[in-house]
PDB file of N, CA and C in Angstrom:
ATOM      1  N   MET A   1      21.699   3.899   4.572  1.00  0.00           N
ATOM      2  CA  MET A   1      20.193   3.327   3.862  1.00  0.00           C
ATOM      3  C   MET A   1      20.036   3.968   2.846  1.00  0.00           C
ATOM      4  N   SER A   2      20.216   2.895   1.706  1.00  0.00           N
ATOM      5  CA  SER A   2      19.145   3.488   0.681  1.00  0.00           C
ATOM      6  C   SER A   2      17.667   2.663   1.231  1.00  0.00           C
ATOM      7  N   LYS A   3      16.681   4.124   0.315  1.00  0.00           N
ATOM      8  CA  LYS A   3      15.525   3.107  -0.209  1.00  0.00           C
ATOM      9  C   LYS A   3      15.162   2.829  -1.790  1.00  0.00           C
ATOM     10  N   LYS A   4      14.153   1.907  -1.380  1.00  0.00           N
ATOM     11  CA  LYS A   4      13.514   1.358  -2.632  1.00  0.00           C
ATOM     12  C   LYS A   4      12.639   2.594  -3.675  1.00  0.00           C
ATOM     13  N   ARG A   5      12.779   2.950  -4.821  1.00  0.00           N
ATOM     14  CA  ARG A   5      11.729   3.390  -5.697  1.00  0.00           C
ATOM     15  C   ARG A   5      10.785   2.836  -5.369  1.00  0.00           C
ATOM     16  N   LEU A   6       9.456   3.551  -5.616  1.00  0.00           N
ATOM     17  CA  LEU A   6       8.297   2.514  -5.524  1.00  0.00           C
ATOM     18  C   LEU A   6       7.780   2.671  -7.541  1.00  0.00           C
ATOM     19  N   VAL A   7       7.848   2.122  -7.810  1.00  0.00           N
ATOM     20  CA  VAL A   7       7.408   1.653  -9.190  1.00  0.00           C
ATOM     21  C   VAL A   7       5.689   1.869  -9.093  1.00  0.00           C
ATOM     22  N   GLU A   8       5.319   2.767 -10.224  1.00  0.00           N
ATOM     23  CA  GLU A   8       3.776   2.813 -10.319  1.00  0.00           C
ATOM     24  C   GLU A   8       2.825   1.502 -11.382  1.00  0.00           C
ATOM     25  N   GLY A   9       2.455   1.467 -10.760  1.00  0.00           N
ATOM     26  CA  GLY A   9       1.430  -0.213 -11.465  1.00  0.00           C
ATOM     27  C   GLY A   9       2.000  -1.496 -11.017  1.00  0.00           C
ATOM     28  N   ILE A  10       3.013  -1.101  -9.744  1.00  0.00           N
ATOM     29  CA  ILE A  10       3.587  -2.420  -9.232  1.00  0.00           C
ATOM     30  C   ILE A  10       3.457  -2.034  -7.805  1.00  0.00           C
ATOM     31  N   ASP A  11       3.838  -1.239  -7.148  1.00  0.00           N
ATOM     32  CA  ASP A  11       3.450  -0.878  -5.170  1.00  0.00           C
ATOM     33  C   ASP A  11       2.232   0.370  -5.465  1.00  0.00           C
ATOM     34  N   TYR A  12       2.372   0.648  -6.423  1.00  0.00           N
ATOM     35  CA  TYR A  12       0.851   1.347  -6.347  1.00  0.00           C
ATOM     36  C   TYR A  12       0.220   2.163  -7.887  1.00  0.00           C
ATOM     37  N   TYR A  13      -0.794   2.623  -7.398  1.00  0.00           N
ATOM     38  CA  TYR A  13      -1.079   2.853  -8.875  1.00  0.00           C
ATOM     39  C   TYR A  13      -2.072   4.427  -8.632  1.00  0.00           C
ATOM     40  N   ILE A  14      -2.425   5.958  -9.131  1.00  0.00           N
ATOM     41  CA  ILE A  14      -2.784   6.353  -8.683  1.00  0.00           C
ATOM     42  C   ILE A  14      -4.990   6.242  -9.368  1.00  0.00           C
ATOM     43  N   GLU A  15      -5.656   6.480  -8.412  1.00  0.00           N
ATOM     44  CA  GLU A  15      -6.734   6.791  -9.278  1.00  0.00           C
ATOM     45  C   GLU A  15      -7.798   8.228  -8.573  1.00  0.00           C
ATOM     46  N   ASN A  16      -8.203   8.936  -9.122  1.00  0.00           N
ATOM     47  CA  ASN A  16      -8.363  10.250  -9.145  1.00  0.00           C
ATOM     48  C   ASN A  16      -7.994  11.237  -8.194  1.00  0.00           C
ATOM     49  N   GLY A  17      -6.507  11.192  -8.585  1.00  0.00           N
ATOM     50  CA  GLY A  17      -5.738  11.927  -8.248  1.00  0.00           C
ATOM     51  C   GLY A  17      -4.915  10.955  -6.839  1.00  0.00           C
ATOM     52  N   PHE A  18      -4.928  10.637  -6.824  1.00  0.00           N
ATOM     53  CA  PHE A  18      -5.263   9.540  -4.620  1.00  0.00           C
ATOM     54  C   PHE A  18      -4.188   8.552  -5.294  1.00  0.00           C
ATOM     55  N   TYR A  19      -3.115   8.763  -4.403  1.00  0.00           N
ATOM     56  CA  TYR A  19      -1.746   7.226  -4.696  1.00  0.00           C
ATOM     57  C   TYR A  19      -2.571   5.873  -4.351  1.00  0.00           C
ATOM     58  N   VAL A  20      -2.551   5.091  -4.361  1.00  0.00           N
ATOM     59  CA  VAL A  20      -3.093   3.667  -3.676  1.00  0.00           C
ATOM     60  C   VAL A  20      -2.655   2.159  -3.831  1.00  0.00           C
ATOM     61  N   PHE A  21      -1.891   2.405  -2.512  1.00  0.00           N
ATOM     62  CA  PHE A  21      -0.177   0.959  -2.638  1.00  0.00           C
ATOM     63  C   PHE A  21      -1.245  -0.292  -2.660  1.00  0.00           C
ATOM     64  N   THR A  22      -0.654  -1.017  -3.584  1.00  0.00           N
ATOM     65  CA  THR A  22      -0.503  -2.285  -3.666  1.00  0.00           C
ATOM     66  C   THR A  22      -0.902  -3.335  -2.880  1.00  0.00           C
ATOM     67  N   GLU A  23      -1.522  -4.395  -3.469  1.00  0.00           N
ATOM     68  CA  GLU A  23      -1.237  -6.034  -1.851  1.00  0.00           C
ATOM     69  C   GLU A  23       0.022  -5.897  -1.444  1.00  0.00           C
ATOM     70  N   LYS A  24       0.859  -5.821  -2.354  1.00  0.00           N
ATOM     71  CA  LYS A  24       2.361  -6.742  -2.778  1.00  0.00           C
ATOM     72  C   LYS A  24       3.237  -5.205  -2.184  1.00  0.00           C
ATOM     73  N   TYR A  25       2.665  -4.322  -2.671  1.00  0.00           N
ATOM     74  CA  TYR A  25       3.682  -3.038  -1.258  1.00  0.00           C
ATOM     75  C   TYR A  25       3.379  -3.119   0.033  1.00  0.00           C
ATOM     76  N   LEU A  26       2.322  -3.246   0.767  1.00  0.00           N
ATOM     77  CA  LEU A  26       1.831  -3.220   1.514  1.00  0.00           C
ATOM     78  C   LEU A  26       2.451  -4.420   2.134  1.00  0.00           C
ATOM     79  N   ARG A  27       2.652  -5.385   1.920  1.00  0.00           N
ATOM     80  CA  ARG A  27       2.821  -6.425   2.763  1.00  0.00           C
ATOM     81  C   ARG A  27       4.352  -7.029   2.618  1.00  0.00           C
ATOM     82  N   GLU A  28       4.788  -6.020   1.494  1.00  0.00           N
ATOM     83  CA  GLU A  28       6.351  -6.263   2.174  1.00  0.00           C
ATOM     84  C   GLU A  28       6.997  -4.904   2.815  1.00  0.00           C
ATOM     85  N   ARG A  29       6.026  -3.810   2.862  1.00  0.00           N
ATOM     86  CA  ARG A  29       6.451  -2.590   4.302  1.00  0.00           C
ATOM     87  C   ARG A  29       6.489  -3.600   5.440  1.00  0.00           C
ATOM     88  N   GLY A  30       5.858  -5.119   5.465  1.00  0.00           N
ATOM     89  CA  GLY A  30       5.465  -5.549   6.912  1.00  0.00           C
ATOM     90  C   GLY A  30       5.013  -5.072   8.181  1.00  0.00           C
ATOM     91  N   TYR A  31       3.405  -4.119   8.194  1.00  0.00           N
ATOM     92  CA  TYR A  31       3.155  -3.836   9.480  1.00  0.00           C
ATOM     93  C   TYR A  31       1.824  -3.009   8.364  1.00  0.00           C
ATOM     94  N   CYS A  32       1.139  -3.617   9.765  1.00  0.00           N
ATOM     95  CA  CYS A  32      -0.681  -2.439   9.425  1.00  0.00           C
ATOM     96  C   CYS A  32      -0.575  -0.868   9.314  1.00  0.00           C
ATOM     97  N   CYS A  33      -0.697  -0.162   9.331  1.00  0.00           N
ATOM     98  CA  CYS A  33      -0.821   1.393   9.631  1.00  0.00           C
ATOM     99  C   CYS A  33      -2.355   1.583  10.173  1.00  0.00           C
ATOM    100  N   LYS A  34      -3.043   0.665  10.316  1.00  0.00           N
ATOM    101  CA  LYS A  34      -4.389   0.330  10.857  1.00  0.00           C
ATOM    102  C   LYS A  34      -5.060   2.433   9.634  1.00  0.00           C
ATOM    103  N   SER A  35      -4.865   2.672   8.093  1.00  0.00           N
ATOM    104  CA  SER A  35      -5.710   3.801   7.947  1.00  0.00           C
ATOM    105  C   SER A  35      -6.454   2.792   7.258  1.00  0.00           C
ATOM    106  N   GLY A  36      -6.859   1.776   7.359  1.00  0.00           N
ATOM    107  CA  GLY A  36      -7.823   1.066   5.993  1.00  0.00           C
ATOM    108  C   GLY A  36      -7.929   1.121   4.685  1.00  0.00           C
ATOM    109  N   CYS A  37      -6.368   1.307   4.860  1.00  0.00           N
ATOM    110  CA  CYS A  37      -6.211   0.794   2.842  1.00  0.00           C
ATOM    111  C   CYS A  37      -7.156  -0.373   2.136  1.00  0.00           C
ATOM    112  N   ARG A  38      -7.188   0.069   0.793  1.00  0.00           N
ATOM    113  CA  ARG A  38      -7.971  -0.748  -0.218  1.00  0.00           C
ATOM    114  C   ARG A  38      -7.657  -2.163   0.262  1.00  0.00           C
ATOM    115  N   HIS A  39      -6.465  -2.304  -0.116  1.00  0.00           N
ATOM    116  CA  HIS A  39      -5.650  -4.146  -0.895  1.00  0.00           C
ATOM    117  C   HIS A  39      -5.080  -4.294   0.671  1.00  0.00           C
ATOM    118  N   CYS A  40      -5.555  -4.059   2.071  1.00  0.00           N
ATOM    119  CA  CYS A  40      -5.076  -4.257   3.329  1.00  0.00           C
ATOM    120  C   CYS A  40      -4.447  -5.887   3.619  1.00  0.00           C
ATOM    121  N   PRO A  41      -3.402  -6.849   3.641  1.00  0.00           N
ATOM    122  CA  PRO A  41      -3.248  -7.506   3.462  1.00  0.00           C
ATOM    123  C   PRO A  41      -3.481  -8.385   4.958  1.00  0.00           C
ATOM    124  N   TYR A  42      -3.274  -7.419   5.432  1.00  0.00           N
ATOM    125  CA  TYR A  42      -3.619  -7.628   7.037  1.00  0.00           C
ATOM    126  C   TYR A  42      -5.109  -7.881   7.638  1.00  0.00           C
ATOM    127  N   GLY A  43      -5.402  -7.809   7.155  1.00  0.00           N
ATOM    128  CA  GLY A  43      -7.176  -7.660   7.214  1.00  0.00           C
ATOM    129  C   GLY A  43      -8.118  -6.433   8.087  1.00  0.00           C
ATOM    130  N   TYR A  44      -6.708  -5.291   8.629  1.00  0.00           N
ATOM    131  CA  TYR A  44      -7.475  -4.414   8.666  1.00  0.00           C
ATOM    132  C   TYR A  44      -8.525  -3.646   8.172  1.00  0.00           C
ATOM    133  N   LYS A  45     -10.144  -3.725   8.949  1.00  0.00           N
ATOM    134  CA  LYS A  45     -10.920  -2.973   8.237  1.00  0.00           C
ATOM    135  C   LYS A  45     -11.553  -1.732   8.860  1.00  0.00           C
ATOM    136  N   LYS A  46     -11.400  -0.318   8.437  1.00  0.00           N
ATOM    137  CA  LYS A  46     -11.922   0.533   8.819  1.00  0.00           C
ATOM    138  C   LYS A  46     -13.496   1.253   9.681  1.00  0.00           C
ATOM    139  N   GLY A  47     -13.624   0.972  10.685  1.00  0.00           N
ATOM    140  CA  GLY A  47     -15.613   0.784  11.158  1.00  0.00           C
ATOM    141  C   GLY A  47     -15.665   2.006  11.174  1.00  0.00           C
TER     142      GLY A  47
END
């Protein structure tokens, strides 16, 4: 099984040393991890 390589600027970007996944990447991943991702396409907001 081959894994797709992540592309900086398309799948993620780096902000203050942290990787931030884009909405495109999170949507293609296919599920919500319930971590409160900044660009969550599933509407999850961490309380």
